[in-house]
């Protein structure tokens, strides 16, 4: 599914993004899917 998440400060949005990607890595097609991942955030430090 696609999602648009409203996430105010301090609610653990980065943790949620990280956990979504970890769940992607659990899938049988992870070797094919992970190289196609594009994660865009505000600063290079945050990325």
ModelCIF file with pLDDT and N, C-alpha, C, O atoms, coordinates in Angstrom:
data_MODEL
#
_entry.id   MODEL 
#
_entity.id                         1 
_entity.type                       polymer 
_entity.pdbx_number_of_molecules   1 
#
_entity_poly.entity_id                      1 
_entity_poly.type                           'polypeptide(L)' 
_entity_poly.nstd_linkage                   no 
_entity_poly.nstd_monomer                   no 
_entity_poly.pdbx_seq_one_letter_code       
;(UNK)(UNK)(UNK)(UNK)(UNK)(UNK)(UNK)(UNK)(UNK)(UNK)(UNK)(UNK)(UNK)(UNK)(UNK)(UNK)
(UNK)(UNK)(UNK)(UNK)(UNK)(UNK)(UNK)(UNK)(UNK)(UNK)(UNK)(UNK)(UNK)(UNK)(UNK)(UNK)
(UNK)(UNK)(UNK)(UNK)(UNK)(UNK)(UNK)(UNK)(UNK)(UNK)(UNK)(UNK)(UNK)(UNK)(UNK)
;
_entity_poly.pdbx_seq_one_letter_code_can   XXXXXXXXXXXXXXXXXXXXXXXXXXXXXXXXXXXXXXXXXXXXXXX 
_entity_poly.pdbx_strand_id                 A 
#
loop_
_entity_poly_seq.entity_id 
_entity_poly_seq.num 
_entity_poly_seq.mon_id 
_entity_poly_seq.hetero 
1 1  UNK n 
1 2  UNK n 
1 3  UNK n 
1 4  UNK n 
1 5  UNK n 
1 6  UNK n 
1 7  UNK n 
1 8  UNK n 
1 9  UNK n 
1 10 UNK n 
1 11 UNK n 
1 12 UNK n 
1 13 UNK n 
1 14 UNK n 
1 15 UNK n 
1 16 UNK n 
1 17 UNK n 
1 18 UNK n 
1 19 UNK n 
1 20 UNK n 
1 21 UNK n 
1 22 UNK n 
1 23 UNK n 
1 24 UNK n 
1 25 UNK n 
1 26 UNK n 
1 27 UNK n 
1 28 UNK n 
1 29 UNK n 
1 30 UNK n 
1 31 UNK n 
1 32 UNK n 
1 33 UNK n 
1 34 UNK n 
1 35 UNK n 
1 36 UNK n 
1 37 UNK n 
1 38 UNK n 
1 39 UNK n 
1 40 UNK n 
1 41 UNK n 
1 42 UNK n 
1 43 UNK n 
1 44 UNK n 
1 45 UNK n 
1 46 UNK n 
1 47 UNK n 
#
_struct_asym.id          A 
_struct_asym.entity_id   1 
#
loop_
_ma_qa_metric.id 
_ma_qa_metric.mode 
_ma_qa_metric.name 
_ma_qa_metric.software_group_id 
_ma_qa_metric.type 
1 global pLDDT . pLDDT 
2 local  pLDDT . pLDDT 
#
_ma_qa_metric_global.metric_id      1 
_ma_qa_metric_global.metric_value   95.30 
_ma_qa_metric_global.model_id       1 
_ma_qa_metric_global.ordinal_id     1 
#
loop_
_ma_qa_metric_local.label_asym_id 
_ma_qa_metric_local.label_comp_id 
_ma_qa_metric_local.label_seq_id 
_ma_qa_metric_local.metric_id 
_ma_qa_metric_local.metric_value 
_ma_qa_metric_local.model_id 
_ma_qa_metric_local.ordinal_id 
A UNK 1  2 97.00 1 1  
A UNK 2  2 97.00 1 2  
A UNK 3  2 97.00 1 3  
A UNK 4  2 97.00 1 4  
A UNK 5  2 97.00 1 5  
A UNK 6  2 94.00 1 6  
A UNK 7  2 93.00 1 7  
A UNK 8  2 88.00 1 8  
A UNK 9  2 85.00 1 9  
A UNK 10 2 89.00 1 10 
A UNK 11 2 92.00 1 11 
A UNK 12 2 92.00 1 12 
A UNK 13 2 93.00 1 13 
A UNK 14 2 94.00 1 14 
A UNK 15 2 94.00 1 15 
A UNK 16 2 96.00 1 16 
A UNK 17 2 97.00 1 17 
A UNK 18 2 97.00 1 18 
A UNK 19 2 97.00 1 19 
A UNK 20 2 97.00 1 20 
A UNK 21 2 98.00 1 21 
A UNK 22 2 97.00 1 22 
A UNK 23 2 97.00 1 23 
A UNK 24 2 97.00 1 24 
A UNK 25 2 97.00 1 25 
A UNK 26 2 95.00 1 26 
A UNK 27 2 95.00 1 27 
A UNK 28 2 95.00 1 28 
A UNK 29 2 95.00 1 29 
A UNK 30 2 96.00 1 30 
A UNK 31 2 97.00 1 31 
A UNK 32 2 96.00 1 32 
A UNK 33 2 96.00 1 33 
A UNK 34 2 97.00 1 34 
A UNK 35 2 97.00 1 35 
A UNK 36 2 97.00 1 36 
A UNK 37 2 98.00 1 37 
A UNK 38 2 98.00 1 38 
A UNK 39 2 98.00 1 39 
A UNK 40 2 98.00 1 40 
A UNK 41 2 95.00 1 41 
A UNK 42 2 91.00 1 42 
A UNK 43 2 94.00 1 43 
A UNK 44 2 95.00 1 44 
A UNK 45 2 96.00 1 45 
A UNK 46 2 95.00 1 46 
A UNK 47 2 96.00 1 47 
#
loop_
_atom_site.group_PDB 
_atom_site.id 
_atom_site.type_symbol 
_atom_site.label_atom_id 
_atom_site.label_alt_id 
_atom_site.label_comp_id 
_atom_site.label_asym_id 
_atom_site.label_entity_id 
_atom_site.label_seq_id 
_atom_site.pdbx_PDB_ins_code 
_atom_site.Cartn_x 
_atom_site.Cartn_y 
_atom_site.Cartn_z 
_atom_site.occupancy 
_atom_site.B_iso_or_equiv 
_atom_site.pdbx_formal_charge 
_atom_site.auth_seq_id 
_atom_site.auth_comp_id 
_atom_site.auth_asym_id 
_atom_site.auth_atom_id 
_atom_site.pdbx_PDB_model_num 
ATOM 1   N N  . UNK A 1 1  ? 0.832  -1.203  0.000  1.00 97.00 ? 1  UNK A N  1 
ATOM 2   C CA . UNK A 1 1  ? 0.000  0.000   0.000  1.00 97.00 ? 1  UNK A CA 1 
ATOM 3   C C  . UNK A 1 1  ? 0.866  1.252   0.000  1.00 97.00 ? 1  UNK A C  1 
ATOM 4   O O  . UNK A 1 1  ? 2.019  1.232   0.432  1.00 97.00 ? 1  UNK A O  1 
ATOM 5   N N  . UNK A 1 2  ? 0.284  2.344   -0.495 1.00 97.00 ? 2  UNK A N  1 
ATOM 6   C CA . UNK A 1 2  ? 0.880  3.674   -0.369 1.00 97.00 ? 2  UNK A CA 1 
ATOM 7   C C  . UNK A 1 2  ? 0.264  4.372   0.839  1.00 97.00 ? 2  UNK A C  1 
ATOM 8   O O  . UNK A 1 2  ? -0.910 4.170   1.151  1.00 97.00 ? 2  UNK A O  1 
ATOM 9   N N  . UNK A 1 3  ? 1.056  5.186   1.507  1.00 97.00 ? 3  UNK A N  1 
ATOM 10  C CA . UNK A 1 3  ? 0.567  5.900   2.674  1.00 97.00 ? 3  UNK A CA 1 
ATOM 11  C C  . UNK A 1 3  ? 1.040  7.343   2.653  1.00 97.00 ? 3  UNK A C  1 
ATOM 12  O O  . UNK A 1 3  ? 2.132  7.653   2.175  1.00 97.00 ? 3  UNK A O  1 
ATOM 13  N N  . UNK A 1 4  ? 0.187  8.225   3.185  1.00 97.00 ? 4  UNK A N  1 
ATOM 14  C CA . UNK A 1 4  ? 0.588  9.586   3.526  1.00 97.00 ? 4  UNK A CA 1 
ATOM 15  C C  . UNK A 1 4  ? 0.386  9.709   5.030  1.00 97.00 ? 4  UNK A C  1 
ATOM 16  O O  . UNK A 1 4  ? -0.742 9.709   5.524  1.00 97.00 ? 4  UNK A O  1 
ATOM 17  N N  . UNK A 1 5  ? 1.502  9.814   5.749  1.00 97.00 ? 5  UNK A N  1 
ATOM 18  C CA . UNK A 1 5  ? 1.479  9.770   7.210  1.00 97.00 ? 5  UNK A CA 1 
ATOM 19  C C  . UNK A 1 5  ? 1.657  11.174  7.768  1.00 97.00 ? 5  UNK A C  1 
ATOM 20  O O  . UNK A 1 5  ? 2.629  11.858  7.447  1.00 97.00 ? 5  UNK A O  1 
ATOM 21  N N  . UNK A 1 6  ? 0.715  11.601  8.605  1.00 94.00 ? 6  UNK A N  1 
ATOM 22  C CA . UNK A 1 6  ? 0.864  12.840  9.365  1.00 94.00 ? 6  UNK A CA 1 
ATOM 23  C C  . UNK A 1 6  ? 1.578  12.486  10.662 1.00 94.00 ? 6  UNK A C  1 
ATOM 24  O O  . UNK A 1 6  ? 1.053  11.732  11.482 1.00 94.00 ? 6  UNK A O  1 
ATOM 25  N N  . UNK A 1 7  ? 2.771  13.031  10.846 1.00 93.00 ? 7  UNK A N  1 
ATOM 26  C CA . UNK A 1 7  ? 3.609  12.625  11.972 1.00 93.00 ? 7  UNK A CA 1 
ATOM 27  C C  . UNK A 1 7  ? 4.241  13.843  12.622 1.00 93.00 ? 7  UNK A C  1 
ATOM 28  O O  . UNK A 1 7  ? 5.282  14.307  12.158 1.00 93.00 ? 7  UNK A O  1 
ATOM 29  N N  . UNK A 1 8  ? 3.643  14.378  13.686 1.00 88.00 ? 8  UNK A N  1 
ATOM 30  C CA . UNK A 1 8  ? 4.235  15.519  14.389 1.00 88.00 ? 8  UNK A CA 1 
ATOM 31  C C  . UNK A 1 8  ? 5.562  15.161  15.043 1.00 88.00 ? 8  UNK A C  1 
ATOM 32  O O  . UNK A 1 8  ? 5.985  14.005  15.038 1.00 88.00 ? 8  UNK A O  1 
ATOM 33  N N  . UNK A 1 9  ? 6.206  16.172  15.602 1.00 85.00 ? 9  UNK A N  1 
ATOM 34  C CA . UNK A 1 9  ? 7.535  15.980  16.189 1.00 85.00 ? 9  UNK A CA 1 
ATOM 35  C C  . UNK A 1 9  ? 7.484  14.997  17.346 1.00 85.00 ? 9  UNK A C  1 
ATOM 36  O O  . UNK A 1 9  ? 6.564  15.023  18.163 1.00 85.00 ? 9  UNK A O  1 
ATOM 37  N N  . UNK A 1 10 ? 8.486  14.130  17.401 1.00 89.00 ? 10 UNK A N  1 
ATOM 38  C CA . UNK A 1 10 ? 8.655  13.258  18.542 1.00 89.00 ? 10 UNK A CA 1 
ATOM 39  C C  . UNK A 1 10 ? 7.829  11.997  18.544 1.00 89.00 ? 10 UNK A C  1 
ATOM 40  O O  . UNK A 1 10 ? 7.798  11.292  19.553 1.00 89.00 ? 10 UNK A O  1 
ATOM 41  N N  . UNK A 1 11 ? 7.150  11.682  17.441 1.00 92.00 ? 11 UNK A N  1 
ATOM 42  C CA . UNK A 1 11 ? 6.266  10.508  17.431 1.00 92.00 ? 11 UNK A CA 1 
ATOM 43  C C  . UNK A 1 11 ? 6.941  9.263   16.872 1.00 92.00 ? 11 UNK A C  1 
ATOM 44  O O  . UNK A 1 11 ? 6.284  8.239   16.684 1.00 92.00 ? 11 UNK A O  1 
ATOM 45  N N  . UNK A 1 12 ? 8.236  9.334   16.605 1.00 92.00 ? 12 UNK A N  1 
ATOM 46  C CA . UNK A 1 12 ? 8.947  8.148   16.147 1.00 92.00 ? 12 UNK A CA 1 
ATOM 47  C C  . UNK A 1 12 ? 8.778  7.838   14.680 1.00 92.00 ? 12 UNK A C  1 
ATOM 48  O O  . UNK A 1 12 ? 8.742  6.670   14.291 1.00 92.00 ? 12 UNK A O  1 
ATOM 49  N N  . UNK A 1 13 ? 8.672  8.886   13.846 1.00 93.00 ? 13 UNK A N  1 
ATOM 50  C CA . UNK A 1 13 ? 8.477  8.650   12.420 1.00 93.00 ? 13 UNK A CA 1 
ATOM 51  C C  . UNK A 1 13 ? 9.699  7.997   11.784 1.00 93.00 ? 13 UNK A C  1 
ATOM 52  O O  . UNK A 1 13 ? 9.558  7.127   10.925 1.00 93.00 ? 13 UNK A O  1 
ATOM 53  N N  . UNK A 1 14 ? 10.909 8.413   12.202 1.00 94.00 ? 14 UNK A N  1 
ATOM 54  C CA . UNK A 1 14 ? 12.107 7.801   11.642 1.00 94.00 ? 14 UNK A CA 1 
ATOM 55  C C  . UNK A 1 14 ? 12.153 6.317   11.980 1.00 94.00 ? 14 UNK A C  1 
ATOM 56  O O  . UNK A 1 14 ? 12.507 5.491   11.139 1.00 94.00 ? 14 UNK A O  1 
ATOM 57  N N  . UNK A 1 15 ? 11.791 5.985   13.219 1.00 94.00 ? 15 UNK A N  1 
ATOM 58  C CA . UNK A 1 15 ? 11.747 4.582   13.622 1.00 94.00 ? 15 UNK A CA 1 
ATOM 59  C C  . UNK A 1 15 ? 10.754 3.804   12.773 1.00 94.00 ? 15 UNK A C  1 
ATOM 60  O O  . UNK A 1 15 ? 11.020 2.667   12.384 1.00 94.00 ? 15 UNK A O  1 
ATOM 61  N N  . UNK A 1 16 ? 9.613  4.413   12.487 1.00 96.00 ? 16 UNK A N  1 
ATOM 62  C CA . UNK A 1 16 ? 8.609  3.739   11.663 1.00 96.00 ? 16 UNK A CA 1 
ATOM 63  C C  . UNK A 1 16 ? 9.126  3.514   10.239 1.00 96.00 ? 16 UNK A C  1 
ATOM 64  O O  . UNK A 1 16 ? 8.918  2.443   9.668  1.00 96.00 ? 16 UNK A O  1 
ATOM 65  N N  . UNK A 1 17 ? 9.798  4.518   9.663  1.00 97.00 ? 17 UNK A N  1 
ATOM 66  C CA . UNK A 1 17 ? 10.362 4.352   8.320  1.00 97.00 ? 17 UNK A CA 1 
ATOM 67  C C  . UNK A 1 17 ? 11.400 3.231   8.318  1.00 97.00 ? 17 UNK A C  1 
ATOM 68  O O  . UNK A 1 17 ? 11.420 2.385   7.425  1.00 97.00 ? 17 UNK A O  1 
ATOM 69  N N  . UNK A 1 18 ? 12.263 3.244   9.338  1.00 97.00 ? 18 UNK A N  1 
ATOM 70  C CA . UNK A 1 18 ? 13.285 2.196   9.441  1.00 97.00 ? 18 UNK A CA 1 
ATOM 71  C C  . UNK A 1 18 ? 12.633 0.824   9.532  1.00 97.00 ? 18 UNK A C  1 
ATOM 72  O O  . UNK A 1 18 ? 13.067 -0.114  8.863  1.00 97.00 ? 18 UNK A O  1 
ATOM 73  N N  . UNK A 1 19 ? 11.592 0.698   10.358 1.00 97.00 ? 19 UNK A N  1 
ATOM 74  C CA . UNK A 1 19 ? 10.936 -0.601  10.520 1.00 97.00 ? 19 UNK A CA 1 
ATOM 75  C C  . UNK A 1 19 ? 10.225 -1.046  9.246  1.00 97.00 ? 19 UNK A C  1 
ATOM 76  O O  . UNK A 1 19 ? 10.168 -2.242  8.962  1.00 97.00 ? 19 UNK A O  1 
ATOM 77  N N  . UNK A 1 20 ? 9.683  -0.108  8.475  1.00 97.00 ? 20 UNK A N  1 
ATOM 78  C CA . UNK A 1 20 ? 9.064  -0.483  7.203  1.00 97.00 ? 20 UNK A CA 1 
ATOM 79  C C  . UNK A 1 20 ? 10.112 -1.071  6.266  1.00 97.00 ? 20 UNK A C  1 
ATOM 80  O O  . UNK A 1 20 ? 9.856  -2.068  5.592  1.00 97.00 ? 20 UNK A O  1 
ATOM 81  N N  . UNK A 1 21 ? 11.290 -0.455  6.223  1.00 98.00 ? 21 UNK A N  1 
ATOM 82  C CA . UNK A 1 21 ? 12.345 -0.971  5.340  1.00 98.00 ? 21 UNK A CA 1 
ATOM 83  C C  . UNK A 1 21 ? 12.844 -2.326  5.834  1.00 98.00 ? 21 UNK A C  1 
ATOM 84  O O  . UNK A 1 21 ? 13.147 -3.204  5.026  1.00 98.00 ? 21 UNK A O  1 
ATOM 85  N N  . UNK A 1 22 ? 12.935 -2.505  7.155  1.00 97.00 ? 22 UNK A N  1 
ATOM 86  C CA . UNK A 1 22 ? 13.329 -3.813  7.699  1.00 97.00 ? 22 UNK A CA 1 
ATOM 87  C C  . UNK A 1 22 ? 12.320 -4.878  7.294  1.00 97.00 ? 22 UNK A C  1 
ATOM 88  O O  . UNK A 1 22 ? 12.699 -6.002  6.965  1.00 97.00 ? 22 UNK A O  1 
ATOM 89  N N  . UNK A 1 23 ? 11.041 -4.529  7.318  1.00 97.00 ? 23 UNK A N  1 
ATOM 90  C CA . UNK A 1 23 ? 10.025 -5.493  6.890  1.00 97.00 ? 23 UNK A CA 1 
ATOM 91  C C  . UNK A 1 23 ? 10.180 -5.815  5.400  1.00 97.00 ? 23 UNK A C  1 
ATOM 92  O O  . UNK A 1 23 ? 9.949  -6.952  4.988  1.00 97.00 ? 23 UNK A O  1 
ATOM 93  N N  . UNK A 1 24 ? 10.566 -4.833  4.599  1.00 97.00 ? 24 UNK A N  1 
ATOM 94  C CA . UNK A 1 24 ? 10.835 -5.091  3.183  1.00 97.00 ? 24 UNK A CA 1 
ATOM 95  C C  . UNK A 1 24 ? 11.977 -6.095  3.035  1.00 97.00 ? 24 UNK A C  1 
ATOM 96  O O  . UNK A 1 24 ? 11.957 -6.954  2.153  1.00 97.00 ? 24 UNK A O  1 
ATOM 97  N N  . UNK A 1 25 ? 12.982 -5.971  3.923  1.00 97.00 ? 25 UNK A N  1 
ATOM 98  C CA . UNK A 1 25 ? 14.144 -6.861  3.842  1.00 97.00 ? 25 UNK A CA 1 
ATOM 99  C C  . UNK A 1 25 ? 13.816 -8.293  4.247  1.00 97.00 ? 25 UNK A C  1 
ATOM 100 O O  . UNK A 1 25 ? 14.571 -9.213  3.933  1.00 97.00 ? 25 UNK A O  1 
ATOM 101 N N  . UNK A 1 26 ? 12.700 -8.490  4.938  1.00 95.00 ? 26 UNK A N  1 
ATOM 102 C CA . UNK A 1 26 ? 12.290 -9.841  5.344  1.00 95.00 ? 26 UNK A CA 1 
ATOM 103 C C  . UNK A 1 26 ? 11.661 -10.625 4.195  1.00 95.00 ? 26 UNK A C  1 
ATOM 104 O O  . UNK A 1 26 ? 11.605 -11.854 4.230  1.00 95.00 ? 26 UNK A O  1 
ATOM 105 N N  . UNK A 1 27 ? 11.193 -9.915  3.188  1.00 95.00 ? 27 UNK A N  1 
ATOM 106 C CA . UNK A 1 27 ? 10.426 -10.558 2.128  1.00 95.00 ? 27 UNK A CA 1 
ATOM 107 C C  . UNK A 1 27 ? 11.331 -11.402 1.227  1.00 95.00 ? 27 UNK A C  1 
ATOM 108 O O  . UNK A 1 27 ? 12.525 -11.130 1.104  1.00 95.00 ? 27 UNK A O  1 
ATOM 109 N N  . UNK A 1 28 ? 10.742 -12.438 0.593  1.00 95.00 ? 28 UNK A N  1 
ATOM 110 C CA . UNK A 1 28 ? 11.540 -13.287 -0.297 1.00 95.00 ? 28 UNK A CA 1 
ATOM 111 C C  . UNK A 1 28 ? 12.154 -12.525 -1.475 1.00 95.00 ? 28 UNK A C  1 
ATOM 112 O O  . UNK A 1 28 ? 13.200 -12.912 -1.996 1.00 95.00 ? 28 UNK A O  1 
ATOM 113 N N  . UNK A 1 29 ? 11.482 -11.423 -1.896 1.00 95.00 ? 29 UNK A N  1 
ATOM 114 C CA . UNK A 1 29 ? 11.983 -10.664 -3.045 1.00 95.00 ? 29 UNK A CA 1 
ATOM 115 C C  . UNK A 1 29 ? 12.863 -9.489  -2.617 1.00 95.00 ? 29 UNK A C  1 
ATOM 116 O O  . UNK A 1 29 ? 13.067 -8.565  -3.405 1.00 95.00 ? 29 UNK A O  1 
ATOM 117 N N  . UNK A 1 30 ? 13.392 -9.500  -1.381 1.00 96.00 ? 30 UNK A N  1 
ATOM 118 C CA . UNK A 1 30 ? 14.156 -8.367  -0.861 1.00 96.00 ? 30 UNK A CA 1 
ATOM 119 C C  . UNK A 1 30 ? 15.378 -8.061  -1.707 1.00 96.00 ? 30 UNK A C  1 
ATOM 120 O O  . UNK A 1 30 ? 15.713 -6.893  -1.904 1.00 96.00 ? 30 UNK A O  1 
ATOM 121 N N  . UNK A 1 31 ? 16.051 -9.089  -2.209 1.00 97.00 ? 31 UNK A N  1 
ATOM 122 C CA . UNK A 1 31 ? 17.274 -8.871  -2.996 1.00 97.00 ? 31 UNK A CA 1 
ATOM 123 C C  . UNK A 1 31 ? 16.965 -8.081  -4.264 1.00 97.00 ? 31 UNK A C  1 
ATOM 124 O O  . UNK A 1 31 ? 17.802 -7.328  -4.762 1.00 97.00 ? 31 UNK A O  1 
ATOM 125 N N  . UNK A 1 32 ? 15.754 -8.264  -4.776 1.00 96.00 ? 32 UNK A N  1 
ATOM 126 C CA . UNK A 1 32 ? 15.336 -7.526  -5.974 1.00 96.00 ? 32 UNK A CA 1 
ATOM 127 C C  . UNK A 1 32 ? 14.782 -6.150  -5.620 1.00 96.00 ? 32 UNK A C  1 
ATOM 128 O O  . UNK A 1 32 ? 14.992 -5.193  -6.365 1.00 96.00 ? 32 UNK A O  1 
ATOM 129 N N  . UNK A 1 33 ? 14.081 -6.037  -4.498 1.00 96.00 ? 33 UNK A N  1 
ATOM 130 C CA . UNK A 1 33 ? 13.377 -4.802  -4.159 1.00 96.00 ? 33 UNK A CA 1 
ATOM 131 C C  . UNK A 1 33 ? 14.274 -3.744  -3.515 1.00 96.00 ? 33 UNK A C  1 
ATOM 132 O O  . UNK A 1 33 ? 14.152 -2.560  -3.828 1.00 96.00 ? 33 UNK A O  1 
ATOM 133 N N  . UNK A 1 34 ? 15.166 -4.155  -2.627 1.00 97.00 ? 34 UNK A N  1 
ATOM 134 C CA . UNK A 1 34 ? 15.941 -3.168  -1.867 1.00 97.00 ? 34 UNK A CA 1 
ATOM 135 C C  . UNK A 1 34 ? 16.804 -2.264  -2.751 1.00 97.00 ? 34 UNK A C  1 
ATOM 136 O O  . UNK A 1 34 ? 16.900 -1.071  -2.460 1.00 97.00 ? 34 UNK A O  1 
ATOM 137 N N  . UNK A 1 35 ? 17.433 -2.768  -3.809 1.00 97.00 ? 35 UNK A N  1 
ATOM 138 C CA . UNK A 1 35 ? 18.207 -1.845  -4.660 1.00 97.00 ? 35 UNK A CA 1 
ATOM 139 C C  . UNK A 1 35 ? 17.343 -0.818  -5.381 1.00 97.00 ? 35 UNK A C  1 
ATOM 140 O O  . UNK A 1 35 ? 17.862 0.171   -5.899 1.00 97.00 ? 35 UNK A O  1 
ATOM 141 N N  . UNK A 1 36 ? 16.037 -1.039  -5.419 1.00 97.00 ? 36 UNK A N  1 
ATOM 142 C CA . UNK A 1 36 ? 15.118 -0.105  -6.089 1.00 97.00 ? 36 UNK A CA 1 
ATOM 143 C C  . UNK A 1 36 ? 14.534 0.916   -5.112 1.00 97.00 ? 36 UNK A C  1 
ATOM 144 O O  . UNK A 1 36 ? 13.654 1.697   -5.473 1.00 97.00 ? 36 UNK A O  1 
ATOM 145 N N  . UNK A 1 37 ? 15.023 0.905   -3.889 1.00 98.00 ? 37 UNK A N  1 
ATOM 146 C CA . UNK A 1 37 ? 14.496 1.784   -2.858 1.00 98.00 ? 37 UNK A CA 1 
ATOM 147 C C  . UNK A 1 37 ? 15.123 3.177   -2.977 1.00 98.00 ? 37 UNK A C  1 
ATOM 148 O O  . UNK A 1 37 ? 16.337 3.313   -3.128 1.00 98.00 ? 37 UNK A O  1 
ATOM 149 N N  . UNK A 1 38 ? 14.273 4.209   -2.906 1.00 98.00 ? 38 UNK A N  1 
ATOM 150 C CA . UNK A 1 38 ? 14.723 5.609   -2.931 1.00 98.00 ? 38 UNK A CA 1 
ATOM 151 C C  . UNK A 1 38 ? 14.163 6.279   -1.680 1.00 98.00 ? 38 UNK A C  1 
ATOM 152 O O  . UNK A 1 38 ? 12.959 6.514   -1.582 1.00 98.00 ? 38 UNK A O  1 
ATOM 153 N N  . UNK A 1 39 ? 15.038 6.583   -0.727 1.00 98.00 ? 39 UNK A N  1 
ATOM 154 C CA . UNK A 1 39 ? 14.631 7.220   0.528  1.00 98.00 ? 39 UNK A CA 1 
ATOM 155 C C  . UNK A 1 39 ? 15.133 8.659   0.507  1.00 98.00 ? 39 UNK A C  1 
ATOM 156 O O  . UNK A 1 39 ? 16.340 8.903   0.472  1.00 98.00 ? 39 UNK A O  1 
ATOM 157 N N  . UNK A 1 40 ? 14.208 9.604   0.528  1.00 98.00 ? 40 UNK A N  1 
ATOM 158 C CA . UNK A 1 40 ? 14.542 11.030  0.412  1.00 98.00 ? 40 UNK A CA 1 
ATOM 159 C C  . UNK A 1 40 ? 14.161 11.727  1.706  1.00 98.00 ? 40 UNK A C  1 
ATOM 160 O O  . UNK A 1 40 ? 13.021 11.621  2.158  1.00 98.00 ? 40 UNK A O  1 
ATOM 161 N N  . UNK A 1 41 ? 15.101 12.435  2.301  1.00 95.00 ? 41 UNK A N  1 
ATOM 162 C CA . UNK A 1 41 ? 14.822 13.210  3.500  1.00 95.00 ? 41 UNK A CA 1 
ATOM 163 C C  . UNK A 1 41 ? 15.483 14.577  3.384  1.00 95.00 ? 41 UNK A C  1 
ATOM 164 O O  . UNK A 1 41 ? 16.059 14.917  2.350  1.00 95.00 ? 41 UNK A O  1 
ATOM 165 N N  . UNK A 1 42 ? 15.391 15.362  4.470  1.00 91.00 ? 42 UNK A N  1 
ATOM 166 C CA . UNK A 1 42 ? 15.685 16.794  4.349  1.00 91.00 ? 42 UNK A CA 1 
ATOM 167 C C  . UNK A 1 42 ? 17.174 17.109  4.282  1.00 91.00 ? 42 UNK A C  1 
ATOM 168 O O  . UNK A 1 42 ? 17.573 18.023  3.560  1.00 91.00 ? 42 UNK A O  1 
ATOM 169 N N  . UNK A 1 43 ? 18.006 16.373  5.019  1.00 94.00 ? 43 UNK A N  1 
ATOM 170 C CA . UNK A 1 43 ? 19.437 16.666  5.037  1.00 94.00 ? 43 UNK A CA 1 
ATOM 171 C C  . UNK A 1 43 ? 20.232 15.391  4.782  1.00 94.00 ? 43 UNK A C  1 
ATOM 172 O O  . UNK A 1 43 ? 19.739 14.284  5.002  1.00 94.00 ? 43 UNK A O  1 
ATOM 173 N N  . UNK A 1 44 ? 21.464 15.560  4.316  1.00 95.00 ? 44 UNK A N  1 
ATOM 174 C CA . UNK A 1 44 ? 22.334 14.406  4.115  1.00 95.00 ? 44 UNK A CA 1 
ATOM 175 C C  . UNK A 1 44 ? 22.644 13.726  5.452  1.00 95.00 ? 44 UNK A C  1 
ATOM 176 O O  . UNK A 1 44 ? 22.779 12.504  5.516  1.00 95.00 ? 44 UNK A O  1 
ATOM 177 N N  . UNK A 1 45 ? 22.755 14.518  6.508  1.00 96.00 ? 45 UNK A N  1 
ATOM 178 C CA . UNK A 1 45 ? 23.005 13.948  7.829  1.00 96.00 ? 45 UNK A CA 1 
ATOM 179 C C  . UNK A 1 45 ? 21.861 13.030  8.243  1.00 96.00 ? 45 UNK A C  1 
ATOM 180 O O  . UNK A 1 45 ? 22.092 11.927  8.739  1.00 96.00 ? 45 UNK A O  1 
ATOM 181 N N  . UNK A 1 46 ? 20.624 13.488  8.040  1.00 95.00 ? 46 UNK A N  1 
ATOM 182 C CA . UNK A 1 46 ? 19.466 12.668  8.394  1.00 95.00 ? 46 UNK A CA 1 
ATOM 183 C C  . UNK A 1 46 ? 19.412 11.406  7.534  1.00 95.00 ? 46 UNK A C  1 
ATOM 184 O O  . UNK A 1 46 ? 19.074 10.329  8.025  1.00 95.00 ? 46 UNK A O  1 
ATOM 185 N N  . UNK A 1 47 ? 19.748 11.543  6.245  1.00 96.00 ? 47 UNK A N  1 
ATOM 186 C CA . UNK A 1 47 ? 19.733 10.379  5.349  1.00 96.00 ? 47 UNK A CA 1 
ATOM 187 C C  . UNK A 1 47 ? 20.779 9.354   5.769  1.00 96.00 ? 47 UNK A C  1 
ATOM 188 O O  . UNK A 1 47 ? 20.911 8.310   5.131  1.00 96.00 ? 47 UNK A O  1 
#
